[in-house]
Amino acid sequence: MTGKLFFAGGTALALSLFFVKGIEWPKGAIFFLGVAACIAGFYFLGDAALDYSAARGLPGASPDYAKELKTNPGHYNAWNFLSWLGALACLAYGTIMTSMVFVIHARDAEAMAAKS
């Protein structure tokens, strides 16, 4: 599943660059950058969920992973917190960027693209 997320994120980034350089439609670039941020948020959310389930011994995580968590819990707790925080930030920014496409007028988007 992670490979599919990497492929989808790379595709979304490529499409955003295509809309910036190839097609003169800045709203498409903003939309696909937001999609790429949401995909990164889904990756971090899955990583945090795996750490959370492995720390509690829930089925689905590898048996060796729970043993590793018990030997160094501070490291994995910090990574779990950062994964949750990264998921929250990426999903928030992605949602805002994606919804901006429906709010920003075309002339304002063109002015922002001309400045960049």
PDB file of N, CA and C in Angstrom:
ATOM      1  N   MET A   1       0.820  -1.195   0.000  1.00  0.00           N
ATOM      2  CA  MET A   1       0.000   0.000   0.000  1.00  0.00           C
ATOM      3  C   MET A   1       0.865   1.261   0.000  1.00  0.00           C
ATOM      4  N   THR A   2       2.009   1.196   0.674  1.00  0.00           N
ATOM      5  CA  THR A   2       2.877   2.364   0.726  1.00  0.00           C
ATOM      6  C   THR A   2       3.422   2.703  -0.653  1.00  0.00           C
ATOM      7  N   GLY A   3       3.715   1.697  -1.430  1.00  0.00           N
ATOM      8  CA  GLY A   3       4.194   1.945  -2.784  1.00  0.00           C
ATOM      9  C   GLY A   3       3.173   2.684  -3.633  1.00  0.00           C
ATOM     10  N   LYS A   4       1.898   2.348  -3.425  1.00  0.00           N
ATOM     11  CA  LYS A   4       0.842   3.049  -4.160  1.00  0.00           C
ATOM     12  C   LYS A   4       0.748   4.508  -3.721  1.00  0.00           C
ATOM     13  N   LEU A   5       0.964   4.773  -2.419  1.00  0.00           N
ATOM     14  CA  LEU A   5       0.945   6.160  -1.939  1.00  0.00           C
ATOM     15  C   LEU A   5       2.103   6.952  -2.531  1.00  0.00           C
ATOM     16  N   PHE A   6       3.295   6.341  -2.589  1.00  0.00           N
ATOM     17  CA  PHE A   6       4.435   7.029  -3.189  1.00  0.00           C
ATOM     18  C   PHE A   6       4.188   7.317  -4.666  1.00  0.00           C
ATOM     19  N   PHE A   7       3.624   6.361  -5.377  1.00  0.00           N
ATOM     20  CA  PHE A   7       3.318   6.556  -6.787  1.00  0.00           C
ATOM     21  C   PHE A   7       2.277   7.663  -6.966  1.00  0.00           C
ATOM     22  N   ALA A   8       1.232   7.649  -6.144  1.00  0.00           N
ATOM     23  CA  ALA A   8       0.184   8.683  -6.260  1.00  0.00           C
ATOM     24  C   ALA A   8       0.731  10.060  -5.895  1.00  0.00           C
ATOM     25  N   GLY A   9       1.563  10.136  -4.867  1.00  0.00           N
ATOM     26  CA  GLY A   9       2.158  11.421  -4.495  1.00  0.00           C
ATOM     27  C   GLY A   9       3.088  11.954  -5.558  1.00  0.00           C
ATOM     28  N   GLY A  10       3.902  11.075  -6.134  1.00  0.00           N
ATOM     29  CA  GLY A  10       4.789  11.496  -7.225  1.00  0.00           C
ATOM     30  C   GLY A  10       4.012  11.944  -8.450  1.00  0.00           C
ATOM     31  N   THR A  11       2.935  11.244  -8.734  1.00  0.00           N
ATOM     32  CA  THR A  11       2.087  11.629  -9.867  1.00  0.00           C
ATOM     33  C   THR A  11       1.444  12.992  -9.621  1.00  0.00           C
ATOM     34  N   ALA A  12       0.972  13.218  -8.394  1.00  0.00           N
ATOM     35  CA  ALA A  12       0.355  14.511  -8.080  1.00  0.00           C
ATOM     36  C   ALA A  12       1.374  15.641  -8.176  1.00  0.00           C
ATOM     37  N   LEU A  13       2.603  15.412  -7.707  1.00  0.00           N
ATOM     38  CA  LEU A  13       3.638  16.440  -7.834  1.00  0.00           C
ATOM     39  C   LEU A  13       3.988  16.693  -9.302  1.00  0.00           C
ATOM     40  N   ALA A  14       4.075  15.623 -10.082  1.00  0.00           N
ATOM     41  CA  ALA A  14       4.373  15.785 -11.507  1.00  0.00           C
ATOM     42  C   ALA A  14       3.259  16.555 -12.215  1.00  0.00           C
ATOM     43  N   LEU A  15       2.020  16.260 -11.868  1.00  0.00           N
ATOM     44  CA  LEU A  15       0.906  16.993 -12.477  1.00  0.00           C
ATOM     45  C   LEU A  15       0.917  18.462 -12.072  1.00  0.00           C
ATOM     46  N   SER A  16       1.277  18.750 -10.820  1.00  0.00           N
ATOM     47  CA  SER A  16       1.328  20.159 -10.406  1.00  0.00           C
ATOM     48  C   SER A  16       2.421  20.896 -11.172  1.00  0.00           C
ATOM     49  N   LEU A  17       3.580  20.259 -11.367  1.00  0.00           N
ATOM     50  CA  LEU A  17       4.633  20.890 -12.164  1.00  0.00           C
ATOM     51  C   LEU A  17       4.222  21.027 -13.622  1.00  0.00           C
ATOM     52  N   PHE A  18       3.480  20.056 -14.114  1.00  0.00           N
ATOM     53  CA  PHE A  18       2.983  20.130 -15.488  1.00  0.00           C
ATOM     54  C   PHE A  18       2.047  21.320 -15.657  1.00  0.00           C
ATOM     55  N   PHE A  19       1.210  21.574 -14.648  1.00  0.00           N
ATOM     56  CA  PHE A  19       0.293  22.714 -14.746  1.00  0.00           C
ATOM     57  C   PHE A  19       1.022  24.041 -14.552  1.00  0.00           C
ATOM     58  N   VAL A  20       2.129  24.044 -13.841  1.00  0.00           N
ATOM     59  CA  VAL A  20       2.883  25.284 -13.678  1.00  0.00           C
ATOM     60  C   VAL A  20       3.666  25.603 -14.956  1.00  0.00           C
ATOM     61  N   LYS A  21       4.359  24.595 -15.503  1.00  0.00           N
ATOM     62  CA  LYS A  21       5.241  24.837 -16.646  1.00  0.00           C
ATOM     63  C   LYS A  21       4.584  24.587 -18.003  1.00  0.00           C
ATOM     64  N   GLY A  22       3.723  23.590 -18.086  1.00  0.00           N
ATOM     65  CA  GLY A  22       3.174  23.210 -19.385  1.00  0.00           C
ATOM     66  C   GLY A  22       1.888  23.924 -19.734  1.00  0.00           C
ATOM     67  N   ILE A  23       0.898  23.754 -18.900  1.00  0.00           N
ATOM     68  CA  ILE A  23      -0.421  24.342 -19.151  1.00  0.00           C
ATOM     69  C   ILE A  23      -0.568  25.567 -18.266  1.00  0.00           C
ATOM     70  N   GLU A  24      -1.003  26.639 -18.831  1.00  0.00           N
ATOM     71  CA  GLU A  24      -1.164  27.878 -18.066  1.00  0.00           C
ATOM     72  C   GLU A  24      -2.491  27.862 -17.305  1.00  0.00           C
ATOM     73  N   TRP A  25      -2.569  27.029 -16.299  1.00  0.00           N
ATOM     74  CA  TRP A  25      -3.746  26.987 -15.438  1.00  0.00           C
ATOM     75  C   TRP A  25      -3.261  26.821 -14.005  1.00  0.00           C
ATOM     76  N   PRO A  26      -2.982  27.952 -13.317  1.00  0.00           N
ATOM     77  CA  PRO A  26      -2.394  27.886 -11.985  1.00  0.00           C
ATOM     78  C   PRO A  26      -3.280  27.187 -10.952  1.00  0.00           C
ATOM     79  N   LYS A  27      -4.585  27.196 -11.173  1.00  0.00           N
ATOM     80  CA  LYS A  27      -5.463  26.515 -10.221  1.00  0.00           C
ATOM     81  C   LYS A  27      -5.182  25.013 -10.192  1.00  0.00           C
ATOM     82  N   GLY A  28      -4.816  24.453 -11.329  1.00  0.00           N
ATOM     83  CA  GLY A  28      -4.478  23.030 -11.375  1.00  0.00           C
ATOM     84  C   GLY A  28      -3.242  22.719 -10.557  1.00  0.00           C
ATOM     85  N   ALA A  29      -2.255  23.616 -10.601  1.00  0.00           N
ATOM     86  CA  ALA A  29      -1.040  23.418  -9.815  1.00  0.00           C
ATOM     87  C   ALA A  29      -1.351  23.449  -8.326  1.00  0.00           C
ATOM     88  N   ILE A  30      -2.170  24.398  -7.899  1.00  0.00           N
ATOM     89  CA  ILE A  30      -2.533  24.496  -6.484  1.00  0.00           C
ATOM     90  C   ILE A  30      -3.319  23.262  -6.053  1.00  0.00           C
ATOM     91  N   PHE A  31      -4.230  22.821  -6.891  1.00  0.00           N
ATOM     92  CA  PHE A  31      -5.038  21.645  -6.566  1.00  0.00           C
ATOM     93  C   PHE A  31      -4.170  20.405  -6.386  1.00  0.00           C
ATOM     94  N   PHE A  32      -3.264  20.150  -7.333  1.00  0.00           N
ATOM     95  CA  PHE A  32      -2.459  18.936  -7.249  1.00  0.00           C
ATOM     96  C   PHE A  32      -1.394  19.012  -6.161  1.00  0.00           C
ATOM     97  N   LEU A  33      -0.926  20.217  -5.814  1.00  0.00           N
ATOM     98  CA  LEU A  33      -0.049  20.331  -4.645  1.00  0.00           C
ATOM     99  C   LEU A  33      -0.813  19.990  -3.374  1.00  0.00           C
ATOM    100  N   GLY A  34      -2.071  20.406  -3.295  1.00  0.00           N
ATOM    101  CA  GLY A  34      -2.904  20.039  -2.150  1.00  0.00           C
ATOM    102  C   GLY A  34      -3.153  18.546  -2.084  1.00  0.00           C
ATOM    103  N   VAL A  35      -3.362  17.927  -3.238  1.00  0.00           N
ATOM    104  CA  VAL A  35      -3.554  16.467  -3.279  1.00  0.00           C
ATOM    105  C   VAL A  35      -2.285  15.757  -2.812  1.00  0.00           C
ATOM    106  N   ALA A  36      -1.117  16.251  -3.248  1.00  0.00           N
ATOM    107  CA  ALA A  36       0.149  15.642  -2.822  1.00  0.00           C
ATOM    108  C   ALA A  36       0.345  15.786  -1.309  1.00  0.00           C
ATOM    109  N   ALA A  37      -0.035  16.933  -0.746  1.00  0.00           N
ATOM    110  CA  ALA A  37       0.068  17.114   0.705  1.00  0.00           C
ATOM    111  C   ALA A  37      -0.879  16.168   1.445  1.00  0.00           C
ATOM    112  N   CYS A  38      -2.075  15.969   0.916  1.00  0.00           N
ATOM    113  CA  CYS A  38      -3.016  15.027   1.542  1.00  0.00           C
ATOM    114  C   CYS A  38      -2.493  13.594   1.479  1.00  0.00           C
ATOM    115  N   ILE A  39      -1.857  13.233   0.384  1.00  0.00           N
ATOM    116  CA  ILE A  39      -1.294  11.890   0.261  1.00  0.00           C
ATOM    117  C   ILE A  39      -0.171  11.698   1.273  1.00  0.00           C
ATOM    118  N   ALA A  40       0.669  12.716   1.463  1.00  0.00           N
ATOM    119  CA  ALA A  40       1.706  12.636   2.494  1.00  0.00           C
ATOM    120  C   ALA A  40       1.068  12.511   3.878  1.00  0.00           C
ATOM    121  N   GLY A  41      -0.030  13.209   4.099  1.00  0.00           N
ATOM    122  CA  GLY A  41      -0.746  13.097   5.374  1.00  0.00           C
ATOM    123  C   GLY A  41      -1.292  11.705   5.605  1.00  0.00           C
ATOM    124  N   PHE A  42      -1.792  11.063   4.548  1.00  0.00           N
ATOM    125  CA  PHE A  42      -2.277   9.684   4.678  1.00  0.00           C
ATOM    126  C   PHE A  42      -1.129   8.733   5.009  1.00  0.00           C
ATOM    127  N   TYR A  43       0.058   8.985   4.438  1.00  0.00           N
ATOM    128  CA  TYR A  43       1.220   8.152   4.746  1.00  0.00           C
ATOM    129  C   TYR A  43       1.580   8.279   6.230  1.00  0.00           C
ATOM    130  N   PHE A  44       1.678   9.511   6.715  1.00  0.00           N
ATOM    131  CA  PHE A  44       2.017   9.716   8.122  1.00  0.00           C
ATOM    132  C   PHE A  44       0.941   9.156   9.050  1.00  0.00           C
ATOM    133  N   LEU A  45      -0.304   9.262   8.650  1.00  0.00           N
ATOM    134  CA  LEU A  45      -1.396   8.704   9.450  1.00  0.00           C
ATOM    135  C   LEU A  45      -1.284   7.185   9.543  1.00  0.00           C
ATOM    136  N   GLY A  46      -0.954   6.537   8.448  1.00  0.00           N
ATOM    137  CA  GLY A  46      -0.765   5.092   8.468  1.00  0.00           C
ATOM    138  C   GLY A  46       0.425   4.678   9.302  1.00  0.00           C
ATOM    139  N   ASP A  47       1.508   5.457   9.234  1.00  0.00           N
ATOM    140  CA  ASP A  47       2.687   5.155  10.041  1.00  0.00           C
ATOM    141  C   ASP A  47       2.380   5.294  11.525  1.00  0.00           C
ATOM    142  N   ALA A  48       1.651   6.329  11.888  1.00  0.00           N
ATOM    143  CA  ALA A  48       1.288   6.521  13.285  1.00  0.00           C
ATOM    144  C   ALA A  48       0.341   5.431  13.769  1.00  0.00           C
ATOM    145  N   ALA A  49      -0.580   5.014  12.926  1.00  0.00           N
ATOM    146  CA  ALA A  49      -1.506   3.951  13.308  1.00  0.00           C
ATOM    147  C   ALA A  49      -0.771   2.625  13.499  1.00  0.00           C
ATOM    148  N   LEU A  50       0.229   2.352  12.666  1.00  0.00           N
ATOM    149  CA  LEU A  50       1.024   1.133  12.816  1.00  0.00           C
ATOM    150  C   LEU A  50       1.800   1.154  14.127  1.00  0.00           C
ATOM    151  N   ASP A  51       2.437   2.290  14.442  1.00  0.00           N
ATOM    152  CA  ASP A  51       3.158   2.398  15.711  1.00  0.00           C
ATOM    153  C   ASP A  51       2.222   2.240  16.904  1.00  0.00           C
ATOM    154  N   TYR A  52       1.065   2.849  16.813  1.00  0.00           N
ATOM    155  CA  TYR A  52       0.094   2.776  17.911  1.00  0.00           C
ATOM    156  C   TYR A  52      -0.378   1.342  18.115  1.00  0.00           C
ATOM    157  N   SER A  53      -0.689   0.656  17.028  1.00  0.00           N
ATOM    158  CA  SER A  53      -1.188  -0.719  17.161  1.00  0.00           C
ATOM    159  C   SER A  53      -0.083  -1.669  17.599  1.00  0.00           C
ATOM    160  N   ALA A  54       1.144  -1.456  17.139  1.00  0.00           N
ATOM    161  CA  ALA A  54       2.246  -2.325  17.545  1.00  0.00           C
ATOM    162  C   ALA A  54       2.587  -2.140  19.018  1.00  0.00           C
ATOM    163  N   ALA A  55       2.490  -0.919  19.511  1.00  0.00           N
ATOM    164  CA  ALA A  55       2.799  -0.676  20.922  1.00  0.00           C
ATOM    165  C   ALA A  55       1.784  -1.338  21.845  1.00  0.00           C
ATOM    166  N   ARG A  56       0.584  -1.545  21.381  1.00  0.00           N
ATOM    167  CA  ARG A  56      -0.448  -2.176  22.194  1.00  0.00           C
ATOM    168  C   ARG A  56      -0.620  -3.656  21.902  1.00  0.00           C
ATOM    169  N   GLY A  57       0.212  -4.197  21.011  1.00  0.00           N
ATOM    170  CA  GLY A  57       0.166  -5.612  20.702  1.00  0.00           C
ATOM    171  C   GLY A  57      -1.046  -6.035  19.904  1.00  0.00           C
ATOM    172  N   LEU A  58      -1.639  -5.139  19.177  1.00  0.00           N
ATOM    173  CA  LEU A  58      -2.802  -5.470  18.363  1.00  0.00           C
ATOM    174  C   LEU A  58      -2.371  -6.278  17.141  1.00  0.00           C
ATOM    175  N   PRO A  59      -3.234  -7.141  16.632  1.00  0.00           N
ATOM    176  CA  PRO A  59      -2.853  -7.936  15.461  1.00  0.00           C
ATOM    177  C   PRO A  59      -2.694  -7.054  14.224  1.00  0.00           C
ATOM    178  N   GLY A  60      -1.833  -7.486  13.335  1.00  0.00           N
ATOM    179  CA  GLY A  60      -1.588  -6.741  12.108  1.00  0.00           C
ATOM    180  C   GLY A  60      -0.177  -6.188  12.037  1.00  0.00           C
ATOM    181  N   ALA A  61       0.449  -5.931  13.178  1.00  0.00           N
ATOM    182  CA  ALA A  61       1.836  -5.470  13.199  1.00  0.00           C
ATOM    183  C   ALA A  61       2.744  -6.693  13.353  1.00  0.00           C
ATOM    184  N   SER A  62       3.973  -6.574  12.913  1.00  0.00           N
ATOM    185  CA  SER A  62       4.885  -7.712  13.010  1.00  0.00           C
ATOM    186  C   SER A  62       5.216  -7.993  14.475  1.00  0.00           C
ATOM    187  N   PRO A  63       5.435  -9.245  14.842  1.00  0.00           N
ATOM    188  CA  PRO A  63       5.715  -9.580  16.245  1.00  0.00           C
ATOM    189  C   PRO A  63       7.030  -8.990  16.738  1.00  0.00           C
ATOM    190  N   ASP A  64       8.024  -8.848  15.866  1.00  0.00           N
ATOM    191  CA  ASP A  64       9.309  -8.284  16.294  1.00  0.00           C
ATOM    192  C   ASP A  64       9.201  -6.791  16.575  1.00  0.00           C
ATOM    193  N   TYR A  65       8.252  -6.148  15.957  1.00  0.00           N
ATOM    194  CA  TYR A  65       8.102  -4.701  16.119  1.00  0.00           C
ATOM    195  C   TYR A  65       7.704  -4.345  17.551  1.00  0.00           C
ATOM    196  N   ALA A  66       6.842  -5.138  18.154  1.00  0.00           N
ATOM    197  CA  ALA A  66       6.445  -4.879  19.539  1.00  0.00           C
ATOM    198  C   ALA A  66       7.632  -5.037  20.480  1.00  0.00           C
ATOM    199  N   LYS A  67       8.513  -5.987  20.191  1.00  0.00           N
ATOM    200  CA  LYS A  67       9.709  -6.183  21.011  1.00  0.00           C
ATOM    201  C   LYS A  67      10.647  -4.986  20.889  1.00  0.00           C
ATOM    202  N   GLU A  68      10.795  -4.458  19.671  1.00  0.00           N
ATOM    203  CA  GLU A  68      11.632  -3.278  19.466  1.00  0.00           C
ATOM    204  C   GLU A  68      11.073  -2.068  20.200  1.00  0.00           C
ATOM    205  N   LEU A  69       9.763  -1.942  20.226  1.00  0.00           N
ATOM    206  CA  LEU A  69       9.141  -0.818  20.934  1.00  0.00           C
ATOM    207  C   LEU A  69       9.405  -0.884  22.427  1.00  0.00           C
ATOM    208  N   LYS A  70       9.416  -2.080  22.983  1.00  0.00           N
ATOM    209  CA  LYS A  70       9.651  -2.224  24.425  1.00  0.00           C
ATOM    210  C   LYS A  70      11.096  -1.924  24.804  1.00  0.00           C
ATOM    211  N   THR A  71      12.046  -2.163  23.904  1.00  0.00           N
ATOM    212  CA  THR A  71      13.439  -1.898  24.230  1.00  0.00           C
ATOM    213  C   THR A  71      13.763  -0.401  24.207  1.00  0.00           C
ATOM    214  N   ASN A  72      13.117   0.357  23.386  1.00  0.00           N
ATOM    215  CA  ASN A  72      13.387   1.791  23.285  1.00  0.00           C
ATOM    216  C   ASN A  72      12.076   2.554  23.109  1.00  0.00           C
ATOM    217  N   PRO A  73      11.255   2.647  24.171  1.00  0.00           N
ATOM    218  CA  PRO A  73       9.929   3.243  23.991  1.00  0.00           C
ATOM    219  C   PRO A  73       9.949   4.751  23.744  1.00  0.00           C
ATOM    220  N   GLY A  74      10.924   5.464  24.273  1.00  0.00           N
ATOM    221  CA  GLY A  74      10.949   6.913  24.089  1.00  0.00           C
ATOM    222  C   GLY A  74      11.129   7.314  22.644  1.00  0.00           C
ATOM    223  N   HIS A  75      11.993   6.605  21.944  1.00  0.00           N
ATOM    224  CA  HIS A  75      12.238   6.904  20.528  1.00  0.00           C
ATOM    225  C   HIS A  75      10.973   6.679  19.706  1.00  0.00           C
ATOM    226  N   TYR A  76      10.308   5.573  19.942  1.00  0.00           N
ATOM    227  CA  TYR A  76       9.126   5.257  19.149  1.00  0.00           C
ATOM    228  C   TYR A  76       7.927   6.116  19.549  1.00  0.00           C
ATOM    229  N   ASN A  77       7.854   6.503  20.817  1.00  0.00           N
ATOM    230  CA  ASN A  77       6.770   7.403  21.222  1.00  0.00           C
ATOM    231  C   ASN A  77       6.949   8.776  20.590  1.00  0.00           C
ATOM    232  N   ALA A  78       8.183   9.247  20.524  1.00  0.00           N
ATOM    233  CA  ALA A  78       8.437  10.539  19.885  1.00  0.00           C
ATOM    234  C   ALA A  78       8.118  10.467  18.389  1.00  0.00           C
ATOM    235  N   TRP A  79       8.530   9.371  17.737  1.00  0.00           N
ATOM    236  CA  TRP A  79       8.233   9.230  16.314  1.00  0.00           C
ATOM    237  C   TRP A  79       6.730   9.125  16.081  1.00  0.00           C
ATOM    238  N   ASN A  80       6.026   8.436  16.974  1.00  0.00           N
ATOM    239  CA  ASN A  80       4.574   8.318  16.849  1.00  0.00           C
ATOM    240  C   ASN A  80       3.915   9.693  16.969  1.00  0.00           C
ATOM    241  N   PHE A  81       4.380  10.489  17.930  1.00  0.00           N
ATOM    242  CA  PHE A  81       3.840  11.844  18.086  1.00  0.00           C
ATOM    243  C   PHE A  81       4.112  12.688  16.845  1.00  0.00           C
ATOM    244  N   LEU A  82       5.343  12.606  16.319  1.00  0.00           N
ATOM    245  CA  LEU A  82       5.666  13.384  15.127  1.00  0.00           C
ATOM    246  C   LEU A  82       4.888  12.898  13.908  1.00  0.00           C
ATOM    247  N   SER A  83       4.599  11.601  13.850  1.00  0.00           N
ATOM    248  CA  SER A  83       3.791  11.087  12.743  1.00  0.00           C
ATOM    249  C   SER A  83       2.368  11.622  12.816  1.00  0.00           C
ATOM    250  N   TRP A  84       1.786  11.618  14.010  1.00  0.00           N
ATOM    251  CA  TRP A  84       0.439  12.184  14.170  1.00  0.00           C
ATOM    252  C   TRP A  84       0.434  13.669  13.820  1.00  0.00           C
ATOM    253  N   LEU A  85       1.446  14.387  14.296  1.00  0.00           N
ATOM    254  CA  LEU A  85       1.520  15.823  14.028  1.00  0.00           C
ATOM    255  C   LEU A  85       1.734  16.095  12.538  1.00  0.00           C
ATOM    256  N   GLY A  86       2.598  15.308  11.902  1.00  0.00           N
ATOM    257  CA  GLY A  86       2.814  15.462  10.461  1.00  0.00           C
ATOM    258  C   GLY A  86       1.560  15.152   9.663  1.00  0.00           C
ATOM    259  N   ALA A  87       0.821  14.119  10.093  1.00  0.00           N
ATOM    260  CA  ALA A  87      -0.429  13.782   9.402  1.00  0.00           C
ATOM    261  C   ALA A  87      -1.429  14.917   9.535  1.00  0.00           C
ATOM    262  N   LEU A  88      -1.547  15.470  10.729  1.00  0.00           N
ATOM    263  CA  LEU A  88      -2.481  16.570  10.946  1.00  0.00           C
ATOM    264  C   LEU A  88      -2.112  17.787  10.105  1.00  0.00           C
ATOM    265  N   ALA A  89      -0.823  18.131  10.091  1.00  0.00           N
ATOM    266  CA  ALA A  89      -0.381  19.305   9.336  1.00  0.00           C
ATOM    267  C   ALA A  89      -0.558  19.098   7.833  1.00  0.00           C
ATOM    268  N   CYS A  90      -0.137  17.945   7.323  1.00  0.00           N
ATOM    269  CA  CYS A  90      -0.242  17.693   5.878  1.00  0.00           C
ATOM    270  C   CYS A  90      -1.694  17.645   5.419  1.00  0.00           C
ATOM    271  N   LEU A  91      -2.537  16.992   6.205  1.00  0.00           N
ATOM    272  CA  LEU A  91      -3.950  16.931   5.818  1.00  0.00           C
ATOM    273  C   LEU A  91      -4.617  18.304   5.906  1.00  0.00           C
ATOM    274  N   ALA A  92      -4.239  19.101   6.901  1.00  0.00           N
ATOM    275  CA  ALA A  92      -4.821  20.446   7.014  1.00  0.00           C
ATOM    276  C   ALA A  92      -4.388  21.324   5.841  1.00  0.00           C
ATOM    277  N   TYR A  93      -3.082  21.353   5.565  1.00  0.00           N
ATOM    278  CA  TYR A  93      -2.592  22.175   4.453  1.00  0.00           C
ATOM    279  C   TYR A  93      -3.129  21.666   3.117  1.00  0.00           C
ATOM    280  N   GLY A  94      -3.182  20.362   2.948  1.00  0.00           N
ATOM    281  CA  GLY A  94      -3.704  19.812   1.704  1.00  0.00           C
ATOM    282  C   GLY A  94      -5.158  20.147   1.485  1.00  0.00           C
ATOM    283  N   THR A  95      -5.943  20.071   2.548  1.00  0.00           N
ATOM    284  CA  THR A  95      -7.359  20.407   2.441  1.00  0.00           C
ATOM    285  C   THR A  95      -7.545  21.887   2.120  1.00  0.00           C
ATOM    286  N   ILE A  96      -6.753  22.731   2.751  1.00  0.00           N
ATOM    287  CA  ILE A  96      -6.853  24.174   2.497  1.00  0.00           C
ATOM    288  C   ILE A  96      -6.443  24.488   1.057  1.00  0.00           C
ATOM    289  N   MET A  97      -5.341  23.885   0.596  1.00  0.00           N
ATOM    290  CA  MET A  97      -4.884  24.161  -0.772  1.00  0.00           C
ATOM    291  C   MET A  97      -5.879  23.640  -1.806  1.00  0.00           C
ATOM    292  N   THR A  98      -6.435  22.469  -1.552  1.00  0.00           N
ATOM    293  CA  THR A  98      -7.395  21.911  -2.495  1.00  0.00           C
ATOM    294  C   THR A  98      -8.674  22.745  -2.538  1.00  0.00           C
ATOM    295  N   SER A  99      -9.120  23.222  -1.390  1.00  0.00           N
ATOM    296  CA  SER A  99     -10.349  24.024  -1.373  1.00  0.00           C
ATOM    297  C   SER A  99     -10.116  25.438  -1.900  1.00  0.00           C
ATOM    298  N   MET A 100      -8.863  25.898  -1.903  1.00  0.00           N
ATOM    299  CA  MET A 100      -8.574  27.223  -2.454  1.00  0.00           C
ATOM    300  C   MET A 100      -8.923  27.303  -3.936  1.00  0.00           C
ATOM    301  N   VAL A 101      -8.849  26.197  -4.627  1.00  0.00           N
ATOM    302  CA  VAL A 101      -9.141  26.182  -6.061  1.00  0.00           C
ATOM    303  C   VAL A 101     -10.575  26.620  -6.318  1.00  0.00           C
ATOM    304  N   PHE A 102     -11.460  26.283  -5.416  1.00  0.00           N
ATOM    305  CA  PHE A 102     -12.869  26.617  -5.606  1.00  0.00           C
ATOM    306  C   PHE A 102     -13.206  28.018  -5.115  1.00  0.00           C
ATOM    307  N   VAL A 103     -12.278  28.691  -4.434  1.00  0.00           N
ATOM    308  CA  VAL A 103     -12.545  30.009  -3.871  1.00  0.00           C
ATOM    309  C   VAL A 103     -11.826  31.107  -4.647  1.00  0.00           C
ATOM    310  N   ILE A 104     -10.600  30.843  -5.083  1.00  0.00           N
ATOM    311  CA  ILE A 104      -9.794  31.859  -5.759  1.00  0.00           C
ATOM    312  C   ILE A 104     -10.327  32.083  -7.169  1.00  0.00           C
ATOM    313  N   HIS A 105     -10.433  33.331  -7.549  1.00  0.00           N
ATOM    314  CA  HIS A 105     -10.850  33.674  -8.904  1.00  0.00           C
ATOM    315  C   HIS A 105      -9.685  33.449  -9.867  1.00  0.00           C
ATOM    316  N   ALA A 106      -9.994  33.239 -11.118  1.00  0.00           N
ATOM    317  CA  ALA A 106      -8.973  32.915 -12.116  1.00  0.00           C
ATOM    318  C   ALA A 106      -7.960  34.041 -12.267  1.00  0.00           C
ATOM    319  N   ARG A 107      -8.419  35.296 -12.232  1.00  0.00           N
ATOM    320  CA  ARG A 107      -7.481  36.401 -12.413  1.00  0.00           C
ATOM    321  C   ARG A 107      -6.528  36.517 -11.236  1.00  0.00           C
ATOM    322  N   ASP A 108      -6.995  36.208 -10.015  1.00  0.00           N
ATOM    323  CA  ASP A 108      -6.106  36.223  -8.858  1.00  0.00           C
ATOM    324  C   ASP A 108      -5.073  35.107  -8.929  1.00  0.00           C
ATOM    325  N   ALA A 109      -5.469  33.937  -9.393  1.00  0.00           N
ATOM    326  CA  ALA A 109      -4.537  32.822  -9.549  1.00  0.00           C
ATOM    327  C   ALA A 109      -3.481  33.152 -10.606  1.00  0.00           C
ATOM    328  N   GLU A 110      -3.899  33.801 -11.691  1.00  0.00           N
ATOM    329  CA  GLU A 110      -2.952  34.190 -12.717  1.00  0.00           C
ATOM    330  C   GLU A 110      -1.976  35.237 -12.206  1.00  0.00           C
ATOM    331  N   ALA A 111      -2.449  36.159 -11.355  1.00  0.00           N
ATOM    332  CA  ALA A 111      -1.566  37.173 -10.777  1.00  0.00           C
ATOM    333  C   ALA A 111      -0.536  36.523  -9.840  1.00  0.00           C
ATOM    334  N   MET A 112      -0.980  35.508  -9.055  1.00  0.00           N
ATOM    335  CA  MET A 112      -0.043  34.810  -8.175  1.00  0.00           C
ATOM    336  C   MET A 112       0.987  34.048  -8.985  1.00  0.00           C
ATOM    337  N   ALA A 113       0.577  33.449 -10.095  1.00  0.00           N
ATOM    338  CA  ALA A 113       1.521  32.706 -10.939  1.00  0.00           C
ATOM    339  C   ALA A 113       2.503  33.661 -11.626  1.00  0.00           C
ATOM    340  N   ALA A 114       2.053  34.851 -11.983  1.00  0.00           N
ATOM    341  CA  ALA A 114       2.934  35.818 -12.630  1.00  0.00           C
ATOM    342  C   ALA A 114       3.999  36.324 -11.655  1.00  0.00           C
ATOM    343  N   LYS A 115       3.649  36.418 -10.376  1.00  0.00           N
ATOM    344  CA  LYS A 115       4.616  36.890  -9.385  1.00  0.00           C
ATOM    345  C   LYS A 115       5.665  35.837  -9.075  1.00  0.00           C
ATOM    346  N   SER A 116       5.339  34.567  -9.234  1.00  0.00           N
ATOM    347  CA  SER A 116       6.289  33.505  -8.863  1.00  0.00           C
ATOM    348  C   SER A 116       7.247  33.160  -9.956  1.00  0.00           C
TER     349      SER A 116
END
